[in-house]
Amino acid sequence: METVLSGMDGAAARFSSVAADLEYTKVTVLVDDRSTEKGKIYFEKSKGKLRVMLAFQEPAEKYVLFSNGKVSIYRPKIAEVEEYSLANSEGLLEQFLLLGFGTSGSELQKSYQVALKGEEDLDGETAVHLDLVPKDPKVAARLVHIELWLSPKTWQPLQQKFYEPSKDFLIARYRNLLHNTKLAAKSFQLPLRGKIRTVRPQTGN
């Protein structure tokens, strides 16, 4: 465990960005439903500010951009952008979506009870498997626990698995990762085409 946490500390100190192929699989246990989206993720962290783009291509084109304190969801098929304010939720964004990317070992221990599950093989690549239980009741109300698979070469995630109180779960799988490279500005721009309708739904949160 000391080796893992120390490795994460070193990787976090060097971290600036990542780009990768992304596969999200959401499993709804009650109805035994499994849906998968595939695309790319671009993530940049600079001077404490985050920019994240999820660019899905399968089964439908969809873009999810986190930037400037808001999230924008663009669905080209219906020519619509939904915008939501992140308000003070950027910390939760890091917990839910970006956990492990640029996360230090000390940060991980501060937020979670961490258990080392050993090493596993992911598509021929060795991964260190951690199990995390949130210490913050607000996080625990949404996520019962999280499994994290890290590359011992980079100490960055290869896979995450998020368990909800309902027992539903989400698996995020990352492949062909590029770390700490300069990402083009267009990586964080919605590729808007034609006339677009923008909606800002009101939420109760």
N, C-alpha and C. Protein backbone atom coordinates (compact mmCIF):
# COMPACT_ATOMS: atom_id res chain seq x y z
N MET A 1 0.82 -1.20 0.00
CA MET A 1 0.00 0.00 0.00
C MET A 1 0.87 1.27 0.00
N GLU A 2 1.94 1.24 0.77
CA GLU A 2 2.83 2.41 0.80
C GLU A 2 3.40 2.71 -0.58
N THR A 3 3.75 1.67 -1.32
CA THR A 3 4.29 1.84 -2.67
C THR A 3 3.25 2.48 -3.58
N VAL A 4 2.00 2.01 -3.48
CA VAL A 4 0.92 2.55 -4.31
C VAL A 4 0.68 4.02 -4.00
N LEU A 5 0.53 4.36 -2.73
CA LEU A 5 0.23 5.73 -2.34
C LEU A 5 1.38 6.68 -2.68
N SER A 6 2.60 6.19 -2.51
CA SER A 6 3.77 6.99 -2.87
C SER A 6 3.84 7.22 -4.38
N GLY A 7 3.53 6.17 -5.14
CA GLY A 7 3.50 6.29 -6.60
C GLY A 7 2.46 7.29 -7.06
N MET A 8 1.28 7.28 -6.41
CA MET A 8 0.23 8.23 -6.75
C MET A 8 0.64 9.66 -6.40
N ASP A 9 1.36 9.82 -5.29
CA ASP A 9 1.85 11.16 -4.91
C ASP A 9 2.77 11.72 -5.98
N GLY A 10 3.69 10.89 -6.46
CA GLY A 10 4.62 11.33 -7.49
C GLY A 10 3.92 11.65 -8.80
N ALA A 11 2.95 10.80 -9.19
CA ALA A 11 2.22 11.01 -10.44
C ALA A 11 1.37 12.28 -10.37
N ALA A 12 0.79 12.54 -9.21
CA ALA A 12 -0.06 13.73 -9.04
C ALA A 12 0.75 15.01 -9.18
N ALA A 13 1.97 14.98 -8.68
CA ALA A 13 2.84 16.16 -8.76
C ALA A 13 3.20 16.48 -10.21
N ARG A 14 3.22 15.47 -11.07
CA ARG A 14 3.58 15.67 -12.48
C ARG A 14 2.37 15.87 -13.37
N PHE A 15 1.17 15.58 -12.87
CA PHE A 15 -0.02 15.50 -13.73
C PHE A 15 -0.44 16.86 -14.27
N SER A 16 -0.75 16.90 -15.58
CA SER A 16 -1.33 18.10 -16.18
C SER A 16 -2.51 17.78 -17.10
N SER A 17 -2.45 16.62 -17.77
CA SER A 17 -3.54 16.30 -18.70
C SER A 17 -3.54 14.81 -19.04
N VAL A 18 -4.66 14.39 -19.61
CA VAL A 18 -4.75 13.02 -20.14
C VAL A 18 -5.77 13.01 -21.28
N ALA A 19 -5.49 12.18 -22.27
CA ALA A 19 -6.44 11.91 -23.35
C ALA A 19 -6.49 10.40 -23.52
N ALA A 20 -7.68 9.86 -23.75
CA ALA A 20 -7.80 8.40 -23.82
C ALA A 20 -9.08 8.00 -24.55
N ASP A 21 -9.06 6.76 -25.03
CA ASP A 21 -10.31 6.15 -25.50
C ASP A 21 -11.12 5.77 -24.27
N LEU A 22 -12.41 6.02 -24.34
CA LEU A 22 -13.28 5.84 -23.18
C LEU A 22 -14.44 4.91 -23.50
N GLU A 23 -14.75 4.03 -22.55
CA GLU A 23 -15.92 3.16 -22.67
C GLU A 23 -16.67 3.20 -21.34
N TYR A 24 -17.91 3.69 -21.39
CA TYR A 24 -18.76 3.73 -20.20
C TYR A 24 -19.81 2.64 -20.31
N THR A 25 -19.92 1.80 -19.29
CA THR A 25 -20.97 0.78 -19.26
C THR A 25 -21.79 0.97 -18.00
N LYS A 26 -23.07 1.30 -18.18
CA LYS A 26 -23.98 1.48 -17.05
C LYS A 26 -24.85 0.23 -16.91
N VAL A 27 -24.86 -0.33 -15.70
CA VAL A 27 -25.65 -1.54 -15.45
C VAL A 27 -26.74 -1.22 -14.44
N THR A 28 -28.00 -1.44 -14.87
CA THR A 28 -29.16 -1.28 -14.00
C THR A 28 -29.58 -2.67 -13.55
N VAL A 29 -29.30 -2.98 -12.28
CA VAL A 29 -29.43 -4.35 -11.79
C VAL A 29 -30.86 -4.85 -11.79
N LEU A 30 -31.80 -4.01 -11.34
CA LEU A 30 -33.19 -4.45 -11.17
C LEU A 30 -33.80 -4.99 -12.44
N VAL A 31 -33.50 -4.34 -13.57
CA VAL A 31 -34.08 -4.79 -14.85
C VAL A 31 -33.04 -5.49 -15.72
N ASP A 32 -31.86 -5.74 -15.14
CA ASP A 32 -30.80 -6.44 -15.85
C ASP A 32 -30.50 -5.79 -17.19
N ASP A 33 -30.32 -4.46 -17.15
CA ASP A 33 -30.05 -3.69 -18.37
C ASP A 33 -28.60 -3.23 -18.37
N ARG A 34 -27.97 -3.33 -19.52
CA ARG A 34 -26.58 -2.90 -19.67
C ARG A 34 -26.47 -2.04 -20.93
N SER A 35 -26.02 -0.81 -20.77
CA SER A 35 -25.85 0.07 -21.92
C SER A 35 -24.42 0.59 -21.94
N THR A 36 -23.84 0.68 -23.14
CA THR A 36 -22.45 1.09 -23.28
C THR A 36 -22.32 2.25 -24.25
N GLU A 37 -21.52 3.25 -23.85
CA GLU A 37 -21.18 4.36 -24.72
C GLU A 37 -19.67 4.35 -24.92
N LYS A 38 -19.25 4.68 -26.16
CA LYS A 38 -17.83 4.69 -26.48
C LYS A 38 -17.43 6.01 -27.11
N GLY A 39 -16.23 6.47 -26.77
CA GLY A 39 -15.74 7.72 -27.34
C GLY A 39 -14.37 8.05 -26.81
N LYS A 40 -14.14 9.33 -26.55
CA LYS A 40 -12.84 9.78 -26.04
C LYS A 40 -13.04 10.72 -24.86
N ILE A 41 -12.02 10.78 -23.99
CA ILE A 41 -12.01 11.73 -22.89
C ILE A 41 -10.76 12.60 -23.01
N TYR A 42 -10.96 13.89 -22.79
CA TYR A 42 -9.86 14.85 -22.72
C TYR A 42 -9.99 15.57 -21.38
N PHE A 43 -8.91 15.58 -20.61
CA PHE A 43 -8.95 16.15 -19.27
C PHE A 43 -7.68 16.97 -19.04
N GLU A 44 -7.88 18.21 -18.64
CA GLU A 44 -6.75 19.11 -18.37
C GLU A 44 -6.94 19.77 -17.02
N LYS A 45 -5.87 19.79 -16.24
CA LYS A 45 -5.90 20.42 -14.92
C LYS A 45 -4.76 21.42 -14.85
N SER A 46 -5.09 22.69 -14.74
CA SER A 46 -4.07 23.73 -14.74
C SER A 46 -4.42 24.80 -13.72
N LYS A 47 -3.48 25.08 -12.82
CA LYS A 47 -3.67 26.11 -11.80
C LYS A 47 -4.97 25.90 -11.02
N GLY A 48 -5.26 24.62 -10.74
CA GLY A 48 -6.43 24.28 -9.95
C GLY A 48 -7.74 24.27 -10.71
N LYS A 49 -7.70 24.61 -12.01
CA LYS A 49 -8.92 24.63 -12.82
C LYS A 49 -8.99 23.39 -13.70
N LEU A 50 -10.23 22.92 -13.88
CA LEU A 50 -10.46 21.71 -14.66
C LEU A 50 -11.16 22.01 -15.97
N ARG A 51 -10.77 21.27 -17.00
CA ARG A 51 -11.55 21.23 -18.25
C ARG A 51 -11.63 19.77 -18.66
N VAL A 52 -12.84 19.32 -18.93
CA VAL A 52 -13.05 17.92 -19.30
C VAL A 52 -14.02 17.85 -20.47
N MET A 53 -13.68 17.06 -21.48
CA MET A 53 -14.60 16.79 -22.58
C MET A 53 -14.76 15.29 -22.73
N LEU A 54 -16.01 14.84 -22.72
CA LEU A 54 -16.34 13.46 -23.06
C LEU A 54 -16.98 13.52 -24.44
N ALA A 55 -16.31 12.93 -25.42
CA ALA A 55 -16.81 12.97 -26.80
C ALA A 55 -17.23 11.57 -27.22
N PHE A 56 -18.52 11.28 -27.05
CA PHE A 56 -19.04 9.94 -27.38
C PHE A 56 -19.42 9.87 -28.86
N GLN A 57 -19.12 8.72 -29.47
CA GLN A 57 -19.47 8.48 -30.87
C GLN A 57 -20.43 7.31 -31.03
N GLU A 58 -20.45 6.41 -30.07
CA GLU A 58 -21.32 5.22 -30.12
C GLU A 58 -22.08 5.09 -28.80
N PRO A 59 -23.34 4.68 -28.83
CA PRO A 59 -24.18 4.39 -30.00
C PRO A 59 -24.72 5.64 -30.69
N ALA A 60 -24.57 6.81 -30.04
CA ALA A 60 -25.02 8.07 -30.63
C ALA A 60 -24.00 9.14 -30.32
N GLU A 61 -23.87 10.10 -31.22
CA GLU A 61 -22.93 11.21 -31.01
C GLU A 61 -23.43 12.10 -29.88
N LYS A 62 -22.55 12.34 -28.90
CA LYS A 62 -22.90 13.18 -27.75
C LYS A 62 -21.62 13.75 -27.15
N TYR A 63 -21.70 15.01 -26.73
CA TYR A 63 -20.53 15.68 -26.15
C TYR A 63 -20.92 16.24 -24.79
N VAL A 64 -20.06 15.98 -23.81
CA VAL A 64 -20.29 16.49 -22.46
C VAL A 64 -19.05 17.29 -22.06
N LEU A 65 -19.23 18.61 -21.90
CA LEU A 65 -18.12 19.50 -21.60
C LEU A 65 -18.26 20.09 -20.20
N PHE A 66 -17.22 19.92 -19.39
CA PHE A 66 -17.16 20.54 -18.06
C PHE A 66 -16.13 21.66 -18.13
N SER A 67 -16.58 22.90 -18.00
CA SER A 67 -15.66 24.04 -18.11
C SER A 67 -16.32 25.29 -17.54
N ASN A 68 -15.50 26.14 -16.94
CA ASN A 68 -15.99 27.43 -16.45
C ASN A 68 -17.19 27.30 -15.51
N GLY A 69 -17.15 26.30 -14.64
CA GLY A 69 -18.18 26.17 -13.63
C GLY A 69 -19.52 25.65 -14.12
N LYS A 70 -19.55 25.09 -15.33
CA LYS A 70 -20.82 24.54 -15.83
C LYS A 70 -20.56 23.29 -16.66
N VAL A 71 -21.62 22.52 -16.85
CA VAL A 71 -21.56 21.36 -17.73
C VAL A 71 -22.53 21.59 -18.88
N SER A 72 -22.04 21.33 -20.09
CA SER A 72 -22.85 21.49 -21.30
C SER A 72 -22.93 20.15 -22.02
N ILE A 73 -24.14 19.71 -22.33
CA ILE A 73 -24.37 18.43 -23.01
C ILE A 73 -24.95 18.72 -24.39
N TYR A 74 -24.19 18.37 -25.41
CA TYR A 74 -24.59 18.65 -26.79
C TYR A 74 -24.95 17.35 -27.49
N ARG A 75 -26.18 17.30 -28.00
CA ARG A 75 -26.65 16.15 -28.77
C ARG A 75 -26.93 16.62 -30.20
N PRO A 76 -26.00 16.38 -31.13
CA PRO A 76 -26.17 16.87 -32.50
C PRO A 76 -27.45 16.38 -33.18
N LYS A 77 -27.87 15.16 -32.84
CA LYS A 77 -29.03 14.59 -33.52
C LYS A 77 -30.29 15.43 -33.33
N ILE A 78 -30.42 16.06 -32.15
CA ILE A 78 -31.59 16.90 -31.88
C ILE A 78 -31.22 18.38 -31.84
N ALA A 79 -29.98 18.70 -32.21
CA ALA A 79 -29.50 20.08 -32.28
C ALA A 79 -29.80 20.86 -31.00
N GLU A 80 -29.40 20.26 -29.88
CA GLU A 80 -29.72 20.87 -28.59
C GLU A 80 -28.53 20.79 -27.64
N VAL A 81 -28.36 21.85 -26.85
CA VAL A 81 -27.36 21.89 -25.79
C VAL A 81 -28.07 22.12 -24.47
N GLU A 82 -27.83 21.24 -23.50
CA GLU A 82 -28.33 21.45 -22.14
C GLU A 82 -27.19 22.00 -21.30
N GLU A 83 -27.48 23.03 -20.50
CA GLU A 83 -26.45 23.62 -19.65
C GLU A 83 -26.88 23.56 -18.19
N TYR A 84 -25.95 23.16 -17.34
CA TYR A 84 -26.19 23.10 -15.90
C TYR A 84 -25.03 23.79 -15.19
N SER A 85 -25.33 24.49 -14.12
CA SER A 85 -24.29 25.10 -13.30
C SER A 85 -23.71 24.05 -12.37
N LEU A 86 -22.39 24.03 -12.28
CA LEU A 86 -21.74 23.13 -11.33
C LEU A 86 -21.69 23.75 -9.94
N ALA A 87 -21.90 25.09 -9.89
CA ALA A 87 -21.87 25.82 -8.63
C ALA A 87 -20.63 25.40 -7.83
N ASN A 88 -20.86 24.83 -6.66
CA ASN A 88 -19.72 24.40 -5.83
C ASN A 88 -19.48 22.89 -5.91
N SER A 89 -19.86 22.32 -7.05
CA SER A 89 -19.82 20.85 -7.17
C SER A 89 -18.59 20.32 -7.91
N GLU A 90 -17.61 21.18 -8.18
CA GLU A 90 -16.45 20.70 -8.92
C GLU A 90 -15.68 19.65 -8.13
N GLY A 91 -15.71 19.77 -6.80
CA GLY A 91 -15.06 18.76 -5.97
C GLY A 91 -15.72 17.41 -6.14
N LEU A 92 -17.05 17.41 -6.23
CA LEU A 92 -17.77 16.15 -6.47
C LEU A 92 -17.47 15.60 -7.85
N LEU A 93 -17.29 16.51 -8.82
CA LEU A 93 -16.95 16.07 -10.17
C LEU A 93 -15.66 15.26 -10.14
N GLU A 94 -14.67 15.74 -9.41
CA GLU A 94 -13.41 15.02 -9.30
C GLU A 94 -13.61 13.67 -8.61
N GLN A 95 -14.49 13.62 -7.63
CA GLN A 95 -14.75 12.37 -6.90
C GLN A 95 -15.44 11.35 -7.81
N PHE A 96 -16.43 11.82 -8.58
CA PHE A 96 -17.27 10.90 -9.34
C PHE A 96 -16.67 10.52 -10.68
N LEU A 97 -16.13 11.49 -11.39
CA LEU A 97 -15.76 11.26 -12.78
C LEU A 97 -14.26 11.09 -12.98
N LEU A 98 -13.48 11.84 -12.21
CA LEU A 98 -12.06 11.94 -12.50
C LEU A 98 -11.19 11.28 -11.44
N LEU A 99 -11.79 10.49 -10.58
CA LEU A 99 -11.07 9.90 -9.47
C LEU A 99 -9.85 9.11 -9.94
N GLY A 100 -8.70 9.48 -9.41
CA GLY A 100 -7.47 8.79 -9.76
C GLY A 100 -6.60 9.56 -10.73
N PHE A 101 -7.21 10.41 -11.57
CA PHE A 101 -6.43 11.20 -12.51
C PHE A 101 -5.83 12.41 -11.77
N GLY A 102 -4.54 12.36 -11.53
CA GLY A 102 -3.90 13.45 -10.80
C GLY A 102 -4.22 13.45 -9.32
N THR A 103 -4.81 12.36 -8.82
CA THR A 103 -5.14 12.26 -7.39
C THR A 103 -3.93 11.72 -6.63
N SER A 104 -3.53 12.42 -5.60
CA SER A 104 -2.38 11.95 -4.81
C SER A 104 -2.84 10.87 -3.83
N GLY A 105 -1.87 10.09 -3.37
CA GLY A 105 -2.18 9.06 -2.39
C GLY A 105 -2.71 9.66 -1.09
N SER A 106 -2.16 10.80 -0.69
CA SER A 106 -2.61 11.44 0.54
C SER A 106 -4.05 11.94 0.41
N GLU A 107 -4.40 12.48 -0.78
CA GLU A 107 -5.78 12.91 -1.02
C GLU A 107 -6.74 11.72 -0.96
N LEU A 108 -6.29 10.61 -1.53
CA LEU A 108 -7.12 9.40 -1.56
C LEU A 108 -7.41 8.93 -0.14
N GLN A 109 -6.38 8.88 0.69
CA GLN A 109 -6.56 8.44 2.08
C GLN A 109 -7.42 9.41 2.88
N LYS A 110 -7.35 10.68 2.55
CA LYS A 110 -8.13 11.68 3.26
C LYS A 110 -9.63 11.50 3.00
N SER A 111 -9.97 11.11 1.76
CA SER A 111 -11.37 11.04 1.35
C SER A 111 -11.99 9.65 1.45
N TYR A 112 -11.14 8.61 1.49
CA TYR A 112 -11.65 7.24 1.42
C TYR A 112 -10.93 6.33 2.41
N GLN A 113 -11.64 5.28 2.81
CA GLN A 113 -10.99 4.14 3.43
C GLN A 113 -10.47 3.28 2.28
N VAL A 114 -9.17 3.07 2.22
CA VAL A 114 -8.55 2.44 1.06
C VAL A 114 -8.09 1.02 1.41
N ALA A 115 -8.48 0.07 0.57
CA ALA A 115 -8.05 -1.32 0.74
C ALA A 115 -7.38 -1.79 -0.54
N LEU A 116 -6.23 -2.43 -0.39
CA LEU A 116 -5.51 -2.97 -1.54
C LEU A 116 -5.99 -4.39 -1.83
N LYS A 117 -6.49 -4.61 -3.04
CA LYS A 117 -7.05 -5.92 -3.41
C LYS A 117 -6.06 -6.78 -4.19
N GLY A 118 -4.89 -6.22 -4.50
CA GLY A 118 -3.89 -6.99 -5.23
C GLY A 118 -3.74 -6.53 -6.66
N GLU A 119 -3.11 -7.38 -7.48
CA GLU A 119 -2.90 -7.08 -8.89
C GLU A 119 -3.82 -7.95 -9.74
N GLU A 120 -4.28 -7.36 -10.87
CA GLU A 120 -5.14 -8.09 -11.80
C GLU A 120 -4.69 -7.80 -13.22
N ASP A 121 -5.16 -8.63 -14.13
CA ASP A 121 -4.87 -8.46 -15.56
C ASP A 121 -6.06 -7.79 -16.24
N LEU A 122 -5.81 -6.68 -16.92
CA LEU A 122 -6.84 -6.01 -17.72
C LEU A 122 -6.39 -6.00 -19.17
N ASP A 123 -6.98 -6.86 -19.97
CA ASP A 123 -6.63 -6.94 -21.40
C ASP A 123 -5.13 -7.06 -21.60
N GLY A 124 -4.49 -7.91 -20.78
CA GLY A 124 -3.06 -8.15 -20.93
C GLY A 124 -2.17 -7.14 -20.24
N GLU A 125 -2.78 -6.18 -19.55
CA GLU A 125 -2.02 -5.15 -18.84
C GLU A 125 -2.20 -5.33 -17.34
N THR A 126 -1.11 -5.27 -16.60
CA THR A 126 -1.17 -5.41 -15.15
C THR A 126 -1.79 -4.16 -14.53
N ALA A 127 -2.68 -4.36 -13.56
CA ALA A 127 -3.33 -3.24 -12.87
C ALA A 127 -3.36 -3.52 -11.38
N VAL A 128 -3.14 -2.48 -10.59
CA VAL A 128 -3.25 -2.55 -9.13
C VAL A 128 -4.69 -2.21 -8.76
N HIS A 129 -5.34 -3.11 -8.02
CA HIS A 129 -6.76 -3.00 -7.73
C HIS A 129 -6.97 -2.46 -6.31
N LEU A 130 -7.68 -1.32 -6.22
CA LEU A 130 -8.01 -0.72 -4.93
C LEU A 130 -9.52 -0.70 -4.73
N ASP A 131 -9.94 -0.82 -3.47
CA ASP A 131 -11.35 -0.67 -3.11
C ASP A 131 -11.46 0.54 -2.18
N LEU A 132 -12.38 1.43 -2.49
CA LEU A 132 -12.50 2.70 -1.77
C LEU A 132 -13.89 2.87 -1.19
N VAL A 133 -13.97 3.24 0.08
CA VAL A 133 -15.25 3.55 0.72
C VAL A 133 -15.21 5.02 1.13
N PRO A 134 -16.16 5.84 0.63
CA PRO A 134 -16.13 7.28 0.93
C PRO A 134 -16.30 7.57 2.41
N LYS A 135 -15.53 8.53 2.92
CA LYS A 135 -15.66 8.97 4.30
C LYS A 135 -16.72 10.06 4.44
N ASP A 136 -16.91 10.85 3.39
CA ASP A 136 -17.89 11.95 3.41
C ASP A 136 -19.30 11.37 3.24
N PRO A 137 -20.22 11.61 4.20
CA PRO A 137 -21.58 11.08 4.10
C PRO A 137 -22.31 11.55 2.83
N LYS A 138 -22.01 12.77 2.35
CA LYS A 138 -22.66 13.27 1.14
C LYS A 138 -22.26 12.46 -0.08
N VAL A 139 -21.00 12.08 -0.13
CA VAL A 139 -20.53 11.23 -1.23
C VAL A 139 -21.08 9.82 -1.07
N ALA A 140 -21.06 9.31 0.17
CA ALA A 140 -21.55 7.95 0.44
C ALA A 140 -23.03 7.80 0.12
N ALA A 141 -23.77 8.90 0.19
CA ALA A 141 -25.20 8.85 -0.13
C ALA A 141 -25.43 8.59 -1.62
N ARG A 142 -24.42 8.86 -2.43
CA ARG A 142 -24.52 8.64 -3.88
C ARG A 142 -23.72 7.45 -4.36
N LEU A 143 -22.59 7.21 -3.68
CA LEU A 143 -21.72 6.10 -4.05
C LEU A 143 -21.37 5.29 -2.81
N VAL A 144 -21.75 4.02 -2.80
CA VAL A 144 -21.48 3.16 -1.64
C VAL A 144 -19.98 2.86 -1.57
N HIS A 145 -19.42 2.47 -2.70
CA HIS A 145 -17.97 2.30 -2.76
C HIS A 145 -17.53 2.32 -4.21
N ILE A 146 -16.22 2.41 -4.40
CA ILE A 146 -15.63 2.54 -5.73
C ILE A 146 -14.47 1.57 -5.83
N GLU A 147 -14.36 0.92 -6.97
CA GLU A 147 -13.17 0.13 -7.26
C GLU A 147 -12.33 0.88 -8.28
N LEU A 148 -11.03 0.85 -8.08
CA LEU A 148 -10.11 1.60 -8.92
C LEU A 148 -8.96 0.69 -9.34
N TRP A 149 -8.70 0.64 -10.64
CA TRP A 149 -7.59 -0.14 -11.18
C TRP A 149 -6.54 0.82 -11.74
N LEU A 150 -5.35 0.82 -11.18
CA LEU A 150 -4.30 1.75 -11.58
C LEU A 150 -3.17 1.04 -12.32
N SER A 151 -2.59 1.74 -13.29
CA SER A 151 -1.39 1.21 -13.94
C SER A 151 -0.19 1.45 -13.02
N PRO A 152 0.61 0.41 -12.71
CA PRO A 152 1.80 0.61 -11.89
C PRO A 152 2.91 1.35 -12.64
N LYS A 153 2.71 1.58 -13.94
CA LYS A 153 3.69 2.34 -14.72
C LYS A 153 3.45 3.85 -14.56
N THR A 154 2.17 4.23 -14.52
CA THR A 154 1.84 5.66 -14.49
C THR A 154 1.12 6.08 -13.21
N TRP A 155 0.57 5.09 -12.46
CA TRP A 155 -0.26 5.34 -11.28
C TRP A 155 -1.48 6.19 -11.63
N GLN A 156 -2.01 5.99 -12.84
CA GLN A 156 -3.24 6.61 -13.29
C GLN A 156 -4.26 5.51 -13.61
N PRO A 157 -5.56 5.84 -13.61
CA PRO A 157 -6.59 4.80 -13.78
C PRO A 157 -6.59 4.14 -15.15
N LEU A 158 -6.80 2.84 -15.14
CA LEU A 158 -7.14 2.08 -16.33
C LEU A 158 -8.63 1.76 -16.33
N GLN A 159 -9.21 1.68 -15.12
CA GLN A 159 -10.64 1.37 -14.99
C GLN A 159 -11.14 1.87 -13.63
N GLN A 160 -12.40 2.30 -13.63
CA GLN A 160 -13.09 2.67 -12.39
C GLN A 160 -14.45 1.96 -12.39
N LYS A 161 -14.93 1.62 -11.19
CA LYS A 161 -16.26 1.02 -11.07
C LYS A 161 -16.96 1.69 -9.89
N PHE A 162 -18.08 2.35 -10.18
CA PHE A 162 -18.80 3.14 -9.18
C PHE A 162 -20.11 2.43 -8.80
N TYR A 163 -20.30 2.15 -7.51
CA TYR A 163 -21.48 1.44 -7.03
C TYR A 163 -22.44 2.42 -6.34
N GLU A 164 -23.68 2.45 -6.81
CA GLU A 164 -24.70 3.30 -6.21
C GLU A 164 -25.44 2.54 -5.11
N PRO A 165 -26.14 3.26 -4.21
CA PRO A 165 -26.91 2.59 -3.16
C PRO A 165 -27.95 1.61 -3.72
N SER A 166 -28.44 1.87 -4.93
CA SER A 166 -29.44 0.99 -5.56
C SER A 166 -28.83 -0.32 -6.06
N LYS A 167 -27.50 -0.44 -5.96
CA LYS A 167 -26.72 -1.57 -6.47
C LYS A 167 -26.43 -1.47 -7.96
N ASP A 168 -27.00 -0.43 -8.63
CA ASP A 168 -26.61 -0.16 -10.00
C ASP A 168 -25.14 0.28 -10.00
N PHE A 169 -24.46 0.09 -11.12
CA PHE A 169 -23.06 0.51 -11.15
C PHE A 169 -22.64 0.97 -12.54
N LEU A 170 -21.57 1.74 -12.58
CA LEU A 170 -21.00 2.27 -13.81
C LEU A 170 -19.55 1.83 -13.89
N ILE A 171 -19.16 1.28 -15.03
CA ILE A 171 -17.76 0.93 -15.27
C ILE A 171 -17.19 1.89 -16.31
N ALA A 172 -16.11 2.55 -15.97
CA ALA A 172 -15.40 3.43 -16.90
C ALA A 172 -14.07 2.77 -17.24
N ARG A 173 -13.86 2.48 -18.52
CA ARG A 173 -12.64 1.79 -18.96
C ARG A 173 -11.85 2.74 -19.87
N TYR A 174 -10.57 2.87 -19.61
CA TYR A 174 -9.71 3.79 -20.36
C TYR A 174 -8.63 3.00 -21.09
N ARG A 175 -8.44 3.32 -22.37
CA ARG A 175 -7.43 2.65 -23.17
C ARG A 175 -6.63 3.69 -23.98
N ASN A 176 -5.45 3.30 -24.40
CA ASN A 176 -4.59 4.17 -25.23
C ASN A 176 -4.41 5.54 -24.61
N LEU A 177 -4.02 5.55 -23.35
CA LEU A 177 -3.89 6.80 -22.62
C LEU A 177 -2.63 7.56 -23.01
N LEU A 178 -2.79 8.88 -23.16
CA LEU A 178 -1.67 9.79 -23.38
C LEU A 178 -1.64 10.75 -22.20
N HIS A 179 -0.54 10.76 -21.46
CA HIS A 179 -0.45 11.57 -20.25
C HIS A 179 0.42 12.80 -20.47
N ASN A 180 -0.01 13.90 -19.88
CA ASN A 180 0.80 15.12 -19.81
C ASN A 180 1.28 15.60 -21.17
N THR A 181 0.37 15.54 -22.16
CA THR A 181 0.66 16.09 -23.48
C THR A 181 -0.18 17.34 -23.69
N LYS A 182 0.28 18.19 -24.60
CA LYS A 182 -0.47 19.42 -24.90
C LYS A 182 -1.73 19.06 -25.67
N LEU A 183 -2.88 19.42 -25.13
CA LEU A 183 -4.16 19.13 -25.79
C LEU A 183 -4.62 20.35 -26.57
N ALA A 184 -5.10 20.10 -27.78
CA ALA A 184 -5.56 21.19 -28.64
C ALA A 184 -6.76 21.88 -28.02
N ALA A 185 -6.86 23.19 -28.25
CA ALA A 185 -7.98 23.97 -27.71
C ALA A 185 -9.32 23.41 -28.16
N LYS A 186 -9.37 22.89 -29.39
CA LYS A 186 -10.65 22.37 -29.92
C LYS A 186 -11.11 21.12 -29.17
N SER A 187 -10.20 20.50 -28.42
CA SER A 187 -10.59 19.33 -27.62
C SER A 187 -11.61 19.71 -26.57
N PHE A 188 -11.66 21.00 -26.22
CA PHE A 188 -12.58 21.48 -25.18
C PHE A 188 -13.61 22.46 -25.74
N GLN A 189 -13.94 22.26 -27.02
CA GLN A 189 -14.97 23.08 -27.66
C GLN A 189 -16.05 22.17 -28.23
N LEU A 190 -17.31 22.50 -27.96
CA LEU A 190 -18.40 21.73 -28.53
C LEU A 190 -18.43 21.94 -30.04
N PRO A 191 -18.47 20.86 -30.83
CA PRO A 191 -18.47 21.01 -32.30
C PRO A 191 -19.87 21.34 -32.83
N LEU A 192 -20.36 22.53 -32.45
CA LEU A 192 -21.73 22.91 -32.80
C LEU A 192 -21.89 23.04 -34.31
N ARG A 193 -23.01 22.52 -34.80
CA ARG A 193 -23.30 22.56 -36.23
C ARG A 193 -24.71 23.07 -36.46
N GLY A 194 -24.85 24.08 -37.31
CA GLY A 194 -26.18 24.59 -37.66
C GLY A 194 -26.82 25.35 -36.51
N LYS A 195 -28.12 25.46 -36.56
CA LYS A 195 -28.89 26.19 -35.56
C LYS A 195 -29.11 25.29 -34.34
N ILE A 196 -28.70 25.78 -33.18
CA ILE A 196 -28.73 24.99 -31.95
C ILE A 196 -29.66 25.63 -30.94
N ARG A 197 -30.45 24.82 -30.27
CA ARG A 197 -31.30 25.30 -29.18
C ARG A 197 -30.58 25.03 -27.87
N THR A 198 -30.51 26.04 -27.00
CA THR A 198 -29.88 25.89 -25.70
C THR A 198 -30.95 25.91 -24.61
N VAL A 199 -30.92 24.89 -23.76
CA VAL A 199 -31.88 24.81 -22.65
C VAL A 199 -31.11 24.75 -21.35
N ARG A 200 -31.68 25.37 -20.33
CA ARG A 200 -31.06 25.39 -18.99
C ARG A 200 -32.08 24.87 -17.98
N PRO A 201 -32.19 23.54 -17.85
CA PRO A 201 -33.19 22.96 -16.93
C PRO A 201 -32.94 23.40 -15.50
N GLN A 202 -34.03 23.62 -14.78
CA GLN A 202 -33.93 23.93 -13.36
C GLN A 202 -33.85 22.63 -12.58
N THR A 203 -32.91 22.56 -11.66
CA THR A 203 -32.79 21.35 -10.83
C THR A 203 -33.12 21.69 -9.40
N GLY A 204 -33.47 20.66 -8.67
CA GLY A 204 -33.81 20.86 -7.26
C GLY A 204 -32.61 20.81 -6.36
N ASN A 205 -31.41 20.57 -6.92
CA ASN A 205 -30.20 20.45 -6.10
C ASN A 205 -29.48 21.78 -6.01
